[in-house]
Amino acid sequence: MKVLVPVKRVVDYNVKVRVKADGSGVDTANVKMSMNPFDEIAVEEAVRLKEAGVATEVIAVSVGVVNCQETLRTAMALGADRAILIQTDAELQPLAVAKLLKAICQKEQPQIVLCGKQAIDDDANQTGQMLAALMGWAQAAFASKVAVAGNKATVTREIDGGTETVEIALPAVVTADLRLNEPRYATLPNIMKAKKKSLDVVTPEALGVDITPRLRTLKVAEPPKRAAGIKVSSAAELVEKLKNEARVI
């Protein structure tokens, strides 16, 4: 059983994001980049499936600039067997990424695609669902537990009211939520081994996929600063301020 894990290179979650002065986007010059945390959880789950004897191969795939190879090497240091980079400098939107992943799925024929539920840069939460729709596969989003047996998977999902357990037929797309697992640290020996693992580079043109953006960003701006909080002396004063000042009741 093959498991395909898409991983994205994003601004590290510890970095304070700054907007460019012209409002055209986020400043990434000399900024630390790392693997999207939800994708890291997906890699860990895929590796655990392999260690349990369920999966036979874990393939990491990324879409983006040449520096995404660093992210793929990290995935292989965590346990992925090989990696594929779809290299492009173009602006990428969820539908384009889903189409590129579809092309890889048609080539590699994985039984499960395990990806993060969303990326922390755009918070789109769209690629996994779009990929499932394009492939005509079952999907289980926001997974907090995954069990695979035969040609079916039982997935516990995070929902607004708590959790939901669903059974889906394979092949399928599963998106990882925060509580699915705790990713391991890459050890130095595994980091060295990752340098020798296979990393193939292809282009969107070679896959026959049009990645022309369908949306145009007009402006990027920081959210307004929140006003300082205040203390109230009684419930009656709180109600009065919520009603007359905040106007929320």
C-alpha atoms as a PDB file:
ATOM      1  CA  MET A   1       0.000   0.000   0.000  1.00  0.00           C
ATOM      2  CA  LYS A   2       1.375   3.388  -1.031  1.00  0.00           C
ATOM      3  CA  VAL A   3       0.742   6.488   1.041  1.00  0.00           C
ATOM      4  CA  LEU A   4       1.200   9.886  -0.609  1.00  0.00           C
ATOM      5  CA  VAL A   5       1.853  12.841   1.676  1.00  0.00           C
ATOM      6  CA  PRO A   6       1.746  16.377   0.234  1.00  0.00           C
ATOM      7  CA  VAL A   7       3.905  18.801   2.241  1.00  0.00           C
ATOM      8  CA  LYS A   8       4.100  22.571   1.962  1.00  0.00           C
ATOM      9  CA  ARG A   9       6.954  24.975   2.697  1.00  0.00           C
ATOM     10  CA  VAL A  10       5.627  27.862   4.796  1.00  0.00           C
ATOM     11  CA  VAL A  11       6.888  30.635   7.041  1.00  0.00           C
ATOM     12  CA  ASP A  12       7.855  29.006  10.349  1.00  0.00           C
ATOM     13  CA  TYR A  13       5.080  29.227  12.931  1.00  0.00           C
ATOM     14  CA  ASN A  14       7.441  30.926  15.423  1.00  0.00           C
ATOM     15  CA  VAL A  15       8.127  33.826  13.055  1.00  0.00           C
ATOM     16  CA  LYS A  16       6.171  37.065  13.309  1.00  0.00           C
ATOM     17  CA  VAL A  17       4.721  37.595   9.855  1.00  0.00           C
ATOM     18  CA  ARG A  18       5.249  41.022   8.304  1.00  0.00           C
ATOM     19  CA  VAL A  19       3.388  42.512   5.358  1.00  0.00           C
ATOM     20  CA  LYS A  20       5.334  44.160   2.517  1.00  0.00           C
ATOM     21  CA  ALA A  21       5.217  47.949   2.481  1.00  0.00           C
ATOM     22  CA  ASP A  22       3.365  47.992  -0.842  1.00  0.00           C
ATOM     23  CA  GLY A  23       0.683  45.605   0.468  1.00  0.00           C
ATOM     24  CA  SER A  24       1.365  43.068  -2.271  1.00  0.00           C
ATOM     25  CA  GLY A  25       1.942  40.137   0.077  1.00  0.00           C
ATOM     26  CA  VAL A  26       3.900  38.764   3.017  1.00  0.00           C
ATOM     27  CA  ASP A  27       7.612  39.540   3.309  1.00  0.00           C
ATOM     28  CA  THR A  28       9.540  36.246   3.136  1.00  0.00           C
ATOM     29  CA  ALA A  29      13.032  37.695   2.578  1.00  0.00           C
ATOM     30  CA  ASN A  30      15.507  36.209   5.067  1.00  0.00           C
ATOM     31  CA  VAL A  31      12.618  34.580   6.951  1.00  0.00           C
ATOM     32  CA  LYS A  32      12.898  31.092   8.434  1.00  0.00           C
ATOM     33  CA  MET A  33      10.802  28.591   6.491  1.00  0.00           C
ATOM     34  CA  SER A  34       9.705  25.125   7.590  1.00  0.00           C
ATOM     35  CA  MET A  35       7.225  22.348   6.868  1.00  0.00           C
ATOM     36  CA  ASN A  36       3.585  23.196   7.477  1.00  0.00           C
ATOM     37  CA  PRO A  37       2.818  21.765  10.978  1.00  0.00           C
ATOM     38  CA  PHE A  38      -0.322  19.911   9.853  1.00  0.00           C
ATOM     39  CA  ASP A  39       1.656  18.302   7.017  1.00  0.00           C
ATOM     40  CA  GLU A  40       4.263  17.208   9.546  1.00  0.00           C
ATOM     41  CA  ILE A  41       1.484  15.429  11.449  1.00  0.00           C
ATOM     42  CA  ALA A  42       0.415  13.759   8.193  1.00  0.00           C
ATOM     43  CA  VAL A  43       3.980  12.549   7.555  1.00  0.00           C
ATOM     44  CA  GLU A  44       4.133  11.104  11.062  1.00  0.00           C
ATOM     45  CA  GLU A  45       0.857   9.242  10.584  1.00  0.00           C
ATOM     46  CA  ALA A  46       2.027   7.834   7.249  1.00  0.00           C
ATOM     47  CA  VAL A  47       5.276   6.634   8.821  1.00  0.00           C
ATOM     48  CA  ARG A  48       3.338   5.025  11.666  1.00  0.00           C
ATOM     49  CA  LEU A  49       1.195   3.162   9.123  1.00  0.00           C
ATOM     50  CA  LYS A  50       4.380   1.850   7.541  1.00  0.00           C
ATOM     51  CA  GLU A  51       5.854   0.857  10.890  1.00  0.00           C
ATOM     52  CA  ALA A  52       2.627  -1.005  11.669  1.00  0.00           C
ATOM     53  CA  GLY A  53       2.980  -2.995   8.455  1.00  0.00           C
ATOM     54  CA  VAL A  54      -0.072  -1.402   6.837  1.00  0.00           C
ATOM     55  CA  ALA A  55       1.815   0.729   4.313  1.00  0.00           C
ATOM     56  CA  THR A  56       4.727  -0.404   2.190  1.00  0.00           C
ATOM     57  CA  GLU A  57       5.918   2.982   0.902  1.00  0.00           C
ATOM     58  CA  VAL A  58       5.553   6.620   1.933  1.00  0.00           C
ATOM     59  CA  ILE A  59       6.012   9.221  -0.803  1.00  0.00           C
ATOM     60  CA  ALA A  60       6.321  12.919   0.043  1.00  0.00           C
ATOM     61  CA  VAL A  61       5.398  15.467  -2.621  1.00  0.00           C
ATOM     62  CA  SER A  62       5.690  19.244  -2.634  1.00  0.00           C
ATOM     63  CA  VAL A  63       4.817  21.984  -5.100  1.00  0.00           C
ATOM     64  CA  GLY A  64       6.809  25.181  -5.320  1.00  0.00           C
ATOM     65  CA  VAL A  65      10.252  26.701  -5.675  1.00  0.00           C
ATOM     66  CA  VAL A  66      13.531  24.787  -5.676  1.00  0.00           C
ATOM     67  CA  ASN A  67      13.971  25.435  -1.931  1.00  0.00           C
ATOM     68  CA  CYS A  68      11.045  23.089  -1.306  1.00  0.00           C
ATOM     69  CA  GLN A  69      13.627  20.327  -1.638  1.00  0.00           C
ATOM     70  CA  GLU A  70      14.692  21.174   1.934  1.00  0.00           C
ATOM     71  CA  THR A  71      11.146  20.484   3.131  1.00  0.00           C
ATOM     72  CA  LEU A  72      11.087  17.175   1.258  1.00  0.00           C
ATOM     73  CA  ARG A  73      14.434  16.181   2.779  1.00  0.00           C
ATOM     74  CA  THR A  74      12.900  16.863   6.196  1.00  0.00           C
ATOM     75  CA  ALA A  75       9.966  14.598   5.317  1.00  0.00           C
ATOM     76  CA  MET A  76      12.381  11.850   4.307  1.00  0.00           C
ATOM     77  CA  ALA A  77      14.362  12.354   7.516  1.00  0.00           C
ATOM     78  CA  LEU A  78      11.094  11.779   9.397  1.00  0.00           C
ATOM     79  CA  GLY A  79      10.572   8.487   7.557  1.00  0.00           C
ATOM     80  CA  ALA A  80       9.300   9.061   4.019  1.00  0.00           C
ATOM     81  CA  ASP A  81      10.909   6.689   1.502  1.00  0.00           C
ATOM     82  CA  ARG A  82      11.214   9.044  -1.446  1.00  0.00           C
ATOM     83  CA  ALA A  83      10.048  12.436  -2.618  1.00  0.00           C
ATOM     84  CA  ILE A  84       8.734  14.303  -5.651  1.00  0.00           C
ATOM     85  CA  LEU A  85       9.067  18.047  -6.217  1.00  0.00           C
ATOM     86  CA  ILE A  86       6.776  19.733  -8.730  1.00  0.00           C
ATOM     87  CA  GLN A  87       8.973  22.751  -9.309  1.00  0.00           C
ATOM     88  CA  THR A  88       7.491  26.094 -10.273  1.00  0.00           C
ATOM     89  CA  ASP A  89       7.976  29.757  -9.385  1.00  0.00           C
ATOM     90  CA  ALA A  90       4.386  30.612 -10.267  1.00  0.00           C
ATOM     91  CA  GLU A  91       1.774  31.698  -7.734  1.00  0.00           C
ATOM     92  CA  LEU A  92      -0.038  28.597  -6.539  1.00  0.00           C
ATOM     93  CA  GLN A  93      -3.677  28.411  -5.500  1.00  0.00           C
ATOM     94  CA  PRO A  94      -5.487  25.390  -3.978  1.00  0.00           C
ATOM     95  CA  LEU A  95      -7.186  24.249  -7.193  1.00  0.00           C
ATOM     96  CA  ALA A  96      -3.897  24.303  -9.122  1.00  0.00           C
ATOM     97  CA  VAL A  97      -2.167  22.318  -6.375  1.00  0.00           C
ATOM     98  CA  ALA A  98      -5.039  19.800  -6.312  1.00  0.00           C
ATOM     99  CA  LYS A  99      -4.753  19.320 -10.092  1.00  0.00           C
ATOM    100  CA  LEU A 100      -0.996  18.748  -9.806  1.00  0.00           C
ATOM    101  CA  LEU A 101      -1.534  16.228  -7.000  1.00  0.00           C
ATOM    102  CA  LYS A 102      -4.157  14.504  -9.143  1.00  0.00           C
ATOM    103  CA  ALA A 103      -1.543  14.038 -11.865  1.00  0.00           C
ATOM    104  CA  ILE A 104       0.872  12.544  -9.326  1.00  0.00           C
ATOM    105  CA  CYS A 105      -1.852  10.262  -7.941  1.00  0.00           C
ATOM    106  CA  GLN A 106      -2.641   8.987 -11.430  1.00  0.00           C
ATOM    107  CA  LYS A 107       1.044   8.198 -11.908  1.00  0.00           C
ATOM    108  CA  GLU A 108       1.841   6.716  -8.485  1.00  0.00           C
ATOM    109  CA  GLN A 109      -1.540   5.097  -7.712  1.00  0.00           C
ATOM    110  CA  PRO A 110      -1.466   5.547  -3.901  1.00  0.00           C
ATOM    111  CA  GLN A 111      -4.197   3.968  -1.777  1.00  0.00           C
ATOM    112  CA  ILE A 112      -4.216   6.839   0.720  1.00  0.00           C
ATOM    113  CA  VAL A 113      -3.351  10.519   0.400  1.00  0.00           C
ATOM    114  CA  LEU A 114      -2.581  11.908   3.860  1.00  0.00           C
ATOM    115  CA  CYS A 115      -2.279  15.686   4.005  1.00  0.00           C
ATOM    116  CA  GLY A 116      -2.592  18.450   6.564  1.00  0.00           C
ATOM    117  CA  LYS A 117      -6.081  19.879   6.947  1.00  0.00           C
ATOM    118  CA  GLN A 118      -4.787  23.347   6.047  1.00  0.00           C
ATOM    119  CA  ALA A 119      -1.616  25.379   5.614  1.00  0.00           C
ATOM    120  CA  ILE A 120      -0.798  28.015   8.216  1.00  0.00           C
ATOM    121  CA  ASP A 121       0.031  30.648   5.588  1.00  0.00           C
ATOM    122  CA  ASP A 122      -3.260  30.907   3.665  1.00  0.00           C
ATOM    123  CA  ASP A 123      -5.510  28.807   5.961  1.00  0.00           C
ATOM    124  CA  ALA A 124      -7.435  27.776   2.841  1.00  0.00           C
ATOM    125  CA  ASN A 125      -8.412  24.237   3.957  1.00  0.00           C
ATOM    126  CA  GLN A 126      -9.312  23.366   0.356  1.00  0.00           C
ATOM    127  CA  THR A 127      -6.631  21.266  -1.345  1.00  0.00           C
ATOM    128  CA  GLY A 128      -7.471  17.894   0.231  1.00  0.00           C
ATOM    129  CA  GLN A 129     -11.168  18.207  -0.494  1.00  0.00           C
ATOM    130  CA  MET A 130     -10.542  19.399  -4.045  1.00  0.00           C
ATOM    131  CA  LEU A 131      -8.173  16.502  -4.696  1.00  0.00           C
ATOM    132  CA  ALA A 132     -10.763  13.985  -3.471  1.00  0.00           C
ATOM    133  CA  ALA A 133     -13.374  15.534  -5.752  1.00  0.00           C
ATOM    134  CA  LEU A 134     -11.072  15.532  -8.783  1.00  0.00           C
ATOM    135  CA  MET A 135     -10.108  11.898  -8.195  1.00  0.00           C
ATOM    136  CA  GLY A 136     -13.636  10.776  -7.315  1.00  0.00           C
ATOM    137  CA  TRP A 137     -12.309   9.300  -4.066  1.00  0.00           C
ATOM    138  CA  ALA A 138     -13.771   9.118  -0.587  1.00  0.00           C
ATOM    139  CA  GLN A 139     -12.537  11.727   1.879  1.00  0.00           C
ATOM    140  CA  ALA A 140     -12.318  12.199   5.640  1.00  0.00           C
ATOM    141  CA  ALA A 141     -11.295  15.665   6.771  1.00  0.00           C
ATOM    142  CA  PHE A 142     -10.023  16.796  10.211  1.00  0.00           C
ATOM    143  CA  ALA A 143      -8.875  13.326  11.250  1.00  0.00           C
ATOM    144  CA  SER A 144      -7.883  12.774  14.890  1.00  0.00           C
ATOM    145  CA  LYS A 145      -7.514   8.988  14.531  1.00  0.00           C
ATOM    146  CA  VAL A 146      -6.933   6.718  11.535  1.00  0.00           C
ATOM    147  CA  ALA A 147      -7.153   2.908  11.414  1.00  0.00           C
ATOM    148  CA  VAL A 148      -6.669   1.007   8.163  1.00  0.00           C
ATOM    149  CA  ALA A 149      -7.818  -2.573   7.633  1.00  0.00           C
ATOM    150  CA  GLY A 150      -7.908  -4.173   4.204  1.00  0.00           C
ATOM    151  CA  ASN A 151      -9.427  -1.841   1.652  1.00  0.00           C
ATOM    152  CA  LYS A 152     -11.196   0.340   4.218  1.00  0.00           C
ATOM    153  CA  ALA A 153     -10.197   2.998   6.723  1.00  0.00           C
ATOM    154  CA  THR A 154     -11.958   4.007   9.924  1.00  0.00           C
ATOM    155  CA  VAL A 155     -11.415   7.688  10.676  1.00  0.00           C
ATOM    156  CA  THR A 156     -12.388   9.664  13.760  1.00  0.00           C
ATOM    157  CA  ARG A 157     -13.052  13.264  12.739  1.00  0.00           C
ATOM    158  CA  GLU A 158     -13.053  16.502  14.713  1.00  0.00           C
ATOM    159  CA  ILE A 159     -16.414  18.254  14.251  1.00  0.00           C
ATOM    160  CA  ASP A 160     -18.095  21.231  15.900  1.00  0.00           C
ATOM    161  CA  GLY A 161     -20.064  19.056  18.306  1.00  0.00           C
ATOM    162  CA  GLY A 162     -17.173  16.758  19.293  1.00  0.00           C
ATOM    163  CA  THR A 163     -16.054  13.803  17.172  1.00  0.00           C
ATOM    164  CA  GLU A 164     -17.511  11.653  14.416  1.00  0.00           C
ATOM    165  CA  THR A 165     -16.320   8.205  13.300  1.00  0.00           C
ATOM    166  CA  VAL A 166     -16.690   7.281   9.633  1.00  0.00           C
ATOM    167  CA  GLU A 167     -15.677   4.290   7.540  1.00  0.00           C
ATOM    168  CA  ILE A 168     -14.414   5.019   4.046  1.00  0.00           C
ATOM    169  CA  ALA A 169     -13.366   2.821   1.141  1.00  0.00           C
ATOM    170  CA  LEU A 170      -9.856   3.115  -0.248  1.00  0.00           C
ATOM    171  CA  PRO A 171      -8.414   4.841  -2.187  1.00  0.00           C
ATOM    172  CA  ALA A 172      -9.197   7.947  -0.189  1.00  0.00           C
ATOM    173  CA  VAL A 173      -7.970  11.348   0.922  1.00  0.00           C
ATOM    174  CA  VAL A 174      -7.539  11.957   4.663  1.00  0.00           C
ATOM    175  CA  THR A 175      -6.641  15.373   6.100  1.00  0.00           C
ATOM    176  CA  ALA A 176      -4.861  15.489   9.444  1.00  0.00           C
ATOM    177  CA  ASP A 177      -6.017  17.522  12.417  1.00  0.00           C
ATOM    178  CA  LEU A 178      -3.878  18.685  15.317  1.00  0.00           C
ATOM    179  CA  ARG A 179      -4.740  15.810  17.676  1.00  0.00           C
ATOM    180  CA  LEU A 180      -3.963  12.988  15.244  1.00  0.00           C
ATOM    181  CA  ASN A 181      -0.469  12.484  16.695  1.00  0.00           C
ATOM    182  CA  GLU A 182       2.689  14.187  17.920  1.00  0.00           C
ATOM    183  CA  PRO A 183       5.399  14.235  15.222  1.00  0.00           C
ATOM    184  CA  ARG A 184       8.800  12.787  16.060  1.00  0.00           C
ATOM    185  CA  TYR A 185      12.063  14.686  15.835  1.00  0.00           C
ATOM    186  CA  ALA A 186      14.373  13.922  12.941  1.00  0.00           C
ATOM    187  CA  THR A 187      17.539  12.303  14.289  1.00  0.00           C
ATOM    188  CA  LEU A 188      20.961  13.118  12.877  1.00  0.00           C
ATOM    189  CA  PRO A 189      21.456   9.621  11.354  1.00  0.00           C
ATOM    190  CA  ASN A 190      18.065   9.880   9.615  1.00  0.00           C
ATOM    191  CA  ILE A 191      18.895  13.378   8.361  1.00  0.00           C
ATOM    192  CA  MET A 192      22.081  11.982   6.814  1.00  0.00           C
ATOM    193  CA  LYS A 193      20.191   9.028   5.295  1.00  0.00           C
ATOM    194  CA  ALA A 194      17.608  11.426   3.813  1.00  0.00           C
ATOM    195  CA  LYS A 195      20.331  13.031   1.692  1.00  0.00           C
ATOM    196  CA  LYS A 196      20.746   9.741  -0.177  1.00  0.00           C
ATOM    197  CA  LYS A 197      17.049   9.045  -0.758  1.00  0.00           C
ATOM    198  CA  SER A 198      15.472   9.594  -4.166  1.00  0.00           C
ATOM    199  CA  LEU A 199      14.062  13.048  -4.908  1.00  0.00           C
ATOM    200  CA  ASP A 200      12.550  13.446  -8.372  1.00  0.00           C
ATOM    201  CA  VAL A 201      11.867  16.879  -9.888  1.00  0.00           C
ATOM    202  CA  VAL A 202       9.102  17.465 -12.437  1.00  0.00           C
ATOM    203  CA  THR A 203       7.335  20.538 -13.780  1.00  0.00           C
ATOM    204  CA  PRO A 204       3.641  21.375 -14.162  1.00  0.00           C
ATOM    205  CA  GLU A 205       4.186  21.489 -17.933  1.00  0.00           C
ATOM    206  CA  ALA A 206       5.546  17.939 -17.913  1.00  0.00           C
ATOM    207  CA  LEU A 207       2.424  16.840 -16.032  1.00  0.00           C
ATOM    208  CA  GLY A 208       0.180  18.664 -18.498  1.00  0.00           C
ATOM    209  CA  VAL A 209      -1.450  20.837 -15.826  1.00  0.00           C
ATOM    210  CA  ASP A 210      -2.437  24.485 -16.247  1.00  0.00           C
ATOM    211  CA  ILE A 211      -1.691  26.344 -13.003  1.00  0.00           C
ATOM    212  CA  THR A 212      -2.751  29.819 -14.130  1.00  0.00           C
ATOM    213  CA  PRO A 213      -4.169  31.645 -11.054  1.00  0.00           C
ATOM    214  CA  ARG A 214      -7.943  32.108 -11.070  1.00  0.00           C
ATOM    215  CA  LEU A 215      -7.924  34.680  -8.281  1.00  0.00           C
ATOM    216  CA  ARG A 216      -6.015  37.962  -8.005  1.00  0.00           C
ATOM    217  CA  THR A 217      -4.830  39.397  -4.706  1.00  0.00           C
ATOM    218  CA  LEU A 218      -5.781  43.051  -4.490  1.00  0.00           C
ATOM    219  CA  LYS A 219      -4.177  43.926  -1.174  1.00  0.00           C
ATOM    220  CA  VAL A 220      -2.651  42.309   1.904  1.00  0.00           C
ATOM    221  CA  ALA A 221      -2.839  44.202   5.209  1.00  0.00           C
ATOM    222  CA  GLU A 222      -2.211  43.475   8.865  1.00  0.00           C
ATOM    223  CA  PRO A 223      -5.311  43.186  11.076  1.00  0.00           C
ATOM    224  CA  PRO A 224      -6.112  46.278  13.160  1.00  0.00           C
ATOM    225  CA  LYS A 225      -4.601  46.365  16.629  1.00  0.00           C
ATOM    226  CA  ARG A 226      -6.971  45.365  19.392  1.00  0.00           C
ATOM    227  CA  ALA A 227      -7.829  47.919  22.040  1.00  0.00           C
ATOM    228  CA  ALA A 228      -6.761  47.229  25.608  1.00  0.00           C
ATOM    229  CA  GLY A 229      -9.262  45.437  27.825  1.00  0.00           C
ATOM    230  CA  ILE A 230     -10.929  46.984  30.855  1.00  0.00           C
ATOM    231  CA  LYS A 231     -12.191  45.702  34.197  1.00  0.00           C
ATOM    232  CA  VAL A 232     -15.755  46.168  35.335  1.00  0.00           C
ATOM    233  CA  SER A 233     -16.952  46.182  38.897  1.00  0.00           C
ATOM    234  CA  SER A 234     -20.284  44.413  38.432  1.00  0.00           C
ATOM    235  CA  ALA A 235     -22.377  42.336  36.054  1.00  0.00           C
ATOM    236  CA  ALA A 236     -24.701  45.294  35.583  1.00  0.00           C
ATOM    237  CA  GLU A 237     -21.804  47.462  34.398  1.00  0.00           C
ATOM    238  CA  LEU A 238     -20.687  44.684  32.037  1.00  0.00           C
ATOM    239  CA  VAL A 239     -24.159  44.465  30.519  1.00  0.00           C
ATOM    240  CA  GLU A 240     -24.316  48.259  30.170  1.00  0.00           C
ATOM    241  CA  LYS A 241     -20.984  48.415  28.320  1.00  0.00           C
ATOM    242  CA  LEU A 242     -21.831  45.466  26.061  1.00  0.00           C
ATOM    243  CA  LYS A 243     -25.105  47.131  25.178  1.00  0.00           C
ATOM    244  CA  ASN A 244     -24.113  50.795  24.821  1.00  0.00           C
ATOM    245  CA  GLU A 245     -20.397  50.722  23.958  1.00  0.00           C
ATOM    246  CA  ALA A 246     -19.722  47.411  22.224  1.00  0.00           C
ATOM    247  CA  ARG A 247     -23.301  47.197  20.907  1.00  0.00           C
ATOM    248  CA  VAL A 248     -23.243  43.412  20.812  1.00  0.00           C
ATOM    249  CA  ILE A 249     -26.430  42.854  22.805  1.00  0.00           C
END
